[in-house]
Amino acid sequence: MVSLETLKKHNFKTIKQYYEYILKSLVNGQRKQAETLAEALSTAQKVDAIEYLEEYVSKVASECKTLILNAI
């Protein structure tokens, strides 16, 4: 589970910023980092992240959703 402490460590105020960080990691070619970040999410946070990423229509967003699903 990604806690408030983890968010603060990354200088994020919301969990949505953490989801964006996972997406940006993929965009920047940092797949292993994205996997590690996704694995840290609780099941509920993973579901929320996938719902959040539905707003994006891109190959990378689709890859990000798959990565998160595989981390469940």
C-alpha atoms as a PDB file:
ATOM      1  CA  MET A   1       0.000   0.000   0.000  1.00  0.00           C
ATOM      2  CA  VAL A   2       1.227   3.451  -0.859  1.00  0.00           C
ATOM      3  CA  SER A   3       0.916   5.499   2.311  1.00  0.00           C
ATOM      4  CA  LEU A   4       0.885   9.234   2.918  1.00  0.00           C
ATOM      5  CA  GLU A   5       4.491   8.859   4.029  1.00  0.00           C
ATOM      6  CA  THR A   6       5.401   7.358   0.640  1.00  0.00           C
ATOM      7  CA  LEU A   7       3.598  10.159  -1.170  1.00  0.00           C
ATOM      8  CA  LYS A   8       5.492  12.750   0.881  1.00  0.00           C
ATOM      9  CA  LYS A   9       8.773  10.967   0.105  1.00  0.00           C
ATOM     10  CA  HIS A  10       8.086  11.587  -3.593  1.00  0.00           C
ATOM     11  CA  ASN A  11       6.812  15.130  -2.919  1.00  0.00           C
ATOM     12  CA  PHE A  12       3.285  14.182  -4.009  1.00  0.00           C
ATOM     13  CA  LYS A  13       0.139  15.536  -2.419  1.00  0.00           C
ATOM     14  CA  THR A  14      -2.271  13.008  -3.934  1.00  0.00           C
ATOM     15  CA  ILE A  15      -2.280   9.383  -4.984  1.00  0.00           C
ATOM     16  CA  LYS A  16      -3.193  10.560  -8.495  1.00  0.00           C
ATOM     17  CA  GLN A  17       0.271  12.134  -8.747  1.00  0.00           C
ATOM     18  CA  TYR A  18       1.736   8.734  -7.899  1.00  0.00           C
ATOM     19  CA  TYR A  19      -0.295   7.152 -10.724  1.00  0.00           C
ATOM     20  CA  GLU A  20       1.041   9.843 -13.064  1.00  0.00           C
ATOM     21  CA  TYR A  21       4.553   8.995 -11.903  1.00  0.00           C
ATOM     22  CA  ILE A  22       4.029   5.368 -12.924  1.00  0.00           C
ATOM     23  CA  LEU A  23       2.788   6.502 -16.328  1.00  0.00           C
ATOM     24  CA  LYS A  24       5.687   8.941 -16.790  1.00  0.00           C
ATOM     25  CA  SER A  25       8.139   6.231 -15.823  1.00  0.00           C
ATOM     26  CA  LEU A  26       6.853   4.138 -18.724  1.00  0.00           C
ATOM     27  CA  VAL A  27       6.946   7.107 -21.093  1.00  0.00           C
ATOM     28  CA  ASN A  28      10.592   7.672 -20.133  1.00  0.00           C
ATOM     29  CA  GLY A  29      11.498   4.014 -20.679  1.00  0.00           C
ATOM     30  CA  GLN A  30      11.823   3.174 -16.990  1.00  0.00           C
ATOM     31  CA  ARG A  31       9.726  -0.008 -17.071  1.00  0.00           C
ATOM     32  CA  LYS A  32      11.366  -1.656 -14.039  1.00  0.00           C
ATOM     33  CA  GLN A  33      10.738   1.495 -11.988  1.00  0.00           C
ATOM     34  CA  ALA A  34       7.102   1.533 -13.128  1.00  0.00           C
ATOM     35  CA  GLU A  35       6.724  -2.128 -12.145  1.00  0.00           C
ATOM     36  CA  THR A  36       8.194  -1.476  -8.701  1.00  0.00           C
ATOM     37  CA  LEU A  37       5.884   1.506  -8.185  1.00  0.00           C
ATOM     38  CA  ALA A  38       2.835  -0.494  -9.324  1.00  0.00           C
ATOM     39  CA  GLU A  39       3.680  -3.418  -7.044  1.00  0.00           C
ATOM     40  CA  ALA A  40       3.677  -1.045  -4.056  1.00  0.00           C
ATOM     41  CA  LEU A  41      -0.011  -0.211  -4.622  1.00  0.00           C
ATOM     42  CA  SER A  42      -2.684  -1.997  -2.615  1.00  0.00           C
ATOM     43  CA  THR A  43      -5.358  -3.863  -4.561  1.00  0.00           C
ATOM     44  CA  ALA A  44      -7.817  -1.006  -4.001  1.00  0.00           C
ATOM     45  CA  GLN A  45      -5.232   1.530  -5.178  1.00  0.00           C
ATOM     46  CA  LYS A  46      -4.548  -0.580  -8.286  1.00  0.00           C
ATOM     47  CA  VAL A  47      -8.252  -0.585  -9.125  1.00  0.00           C
ATOM     48  CA  ASP A  48      -8.354   3.179  -8.578  1.00  0.00           C
ATOM     49  CA  ALA A  49      -5.256   3.643 -10.755  1.00  0.00           C
ATOM     50  CA  ILE A  50      -6.780   1.658 -13.606  1.00  0.00           C
ATOM     51  CA  GLU A  51      -9.977   3.711 -13.380  1.00  0.00           C
ATOM     52  CA  TYR A  52      -7.916   6.905 -13.324  1.00  0.00           C
ATOM     53  CA  LEU A  53      -5.951   5.814 -16.399  1.00  0.00           C
ATOM     54  CA  GLU A  54      -9.183   5.234 -18.330  1.00  0.00           C
ATOM     55  CA  GLU A  55      -9.132   9.000 -18.961  1.00  0.00           C
ATOM     56  CA  TYR A  56      -6.045   8.524 -21.145  1.00  0.00           C
ATOM     57  CA  VAL A  57      -6.312   7.116 -24.646  1.00  0.00           C
ATOM     58  CA  SER A  58      -2.804   6.131 -25.609  1.00  0.00           C
ATOM     59  CA  LYS A  59      -0.656   3.069 -26.100  1.00  0.00           C
ATOM     60  CA  VAL A  60       1.421   3.950 -23.036  1.00  0.00           C
ATOM     61  CA  ALA A  61      -1.673   4.347 -20.821  1.00  0.00           C
ATOM     62  CA  SER A  62      -2.884   0.956 -22.011  1.00  0.00           C
ATOM     63  CA  GLU A  63       0.533  -0.524 -21.245  1.00  0.00           C
ATOM     64  CA  CYS A  64       0.416   1.099 -17.810  1.00  0.00           C
ATOM     65  CA  LYS A  65      -3.006  -0.421 -17.063  1.00  0.00           C
ATOM     66  CA  THR A  66      -1.714  -3.847 -18.119  1.00  0.00           C
ATOM     67  CA  LEU A  67       1.362  -3.431 -15.940  1.00  0.00           C
ATOM     68  CA  ILE A  68      -0.810  -2.594 -12.926  1.00  0.00           C
ATOM     69  CA  LEU A  69      -3.175  -5.494 -13.624  1.00  0.00           C
ATOM     70  CA  ASN A  70      -0.209  -7.858 -13.780  1.00  0.00           C
ATOM     71  CA  ALA A  71       0.914  -6.594 -10.375  1.00  0.00           C
ATOM     72  CA  ILE A  72      -2.339  -7.809  -8.756  1.00  0.00           C
END
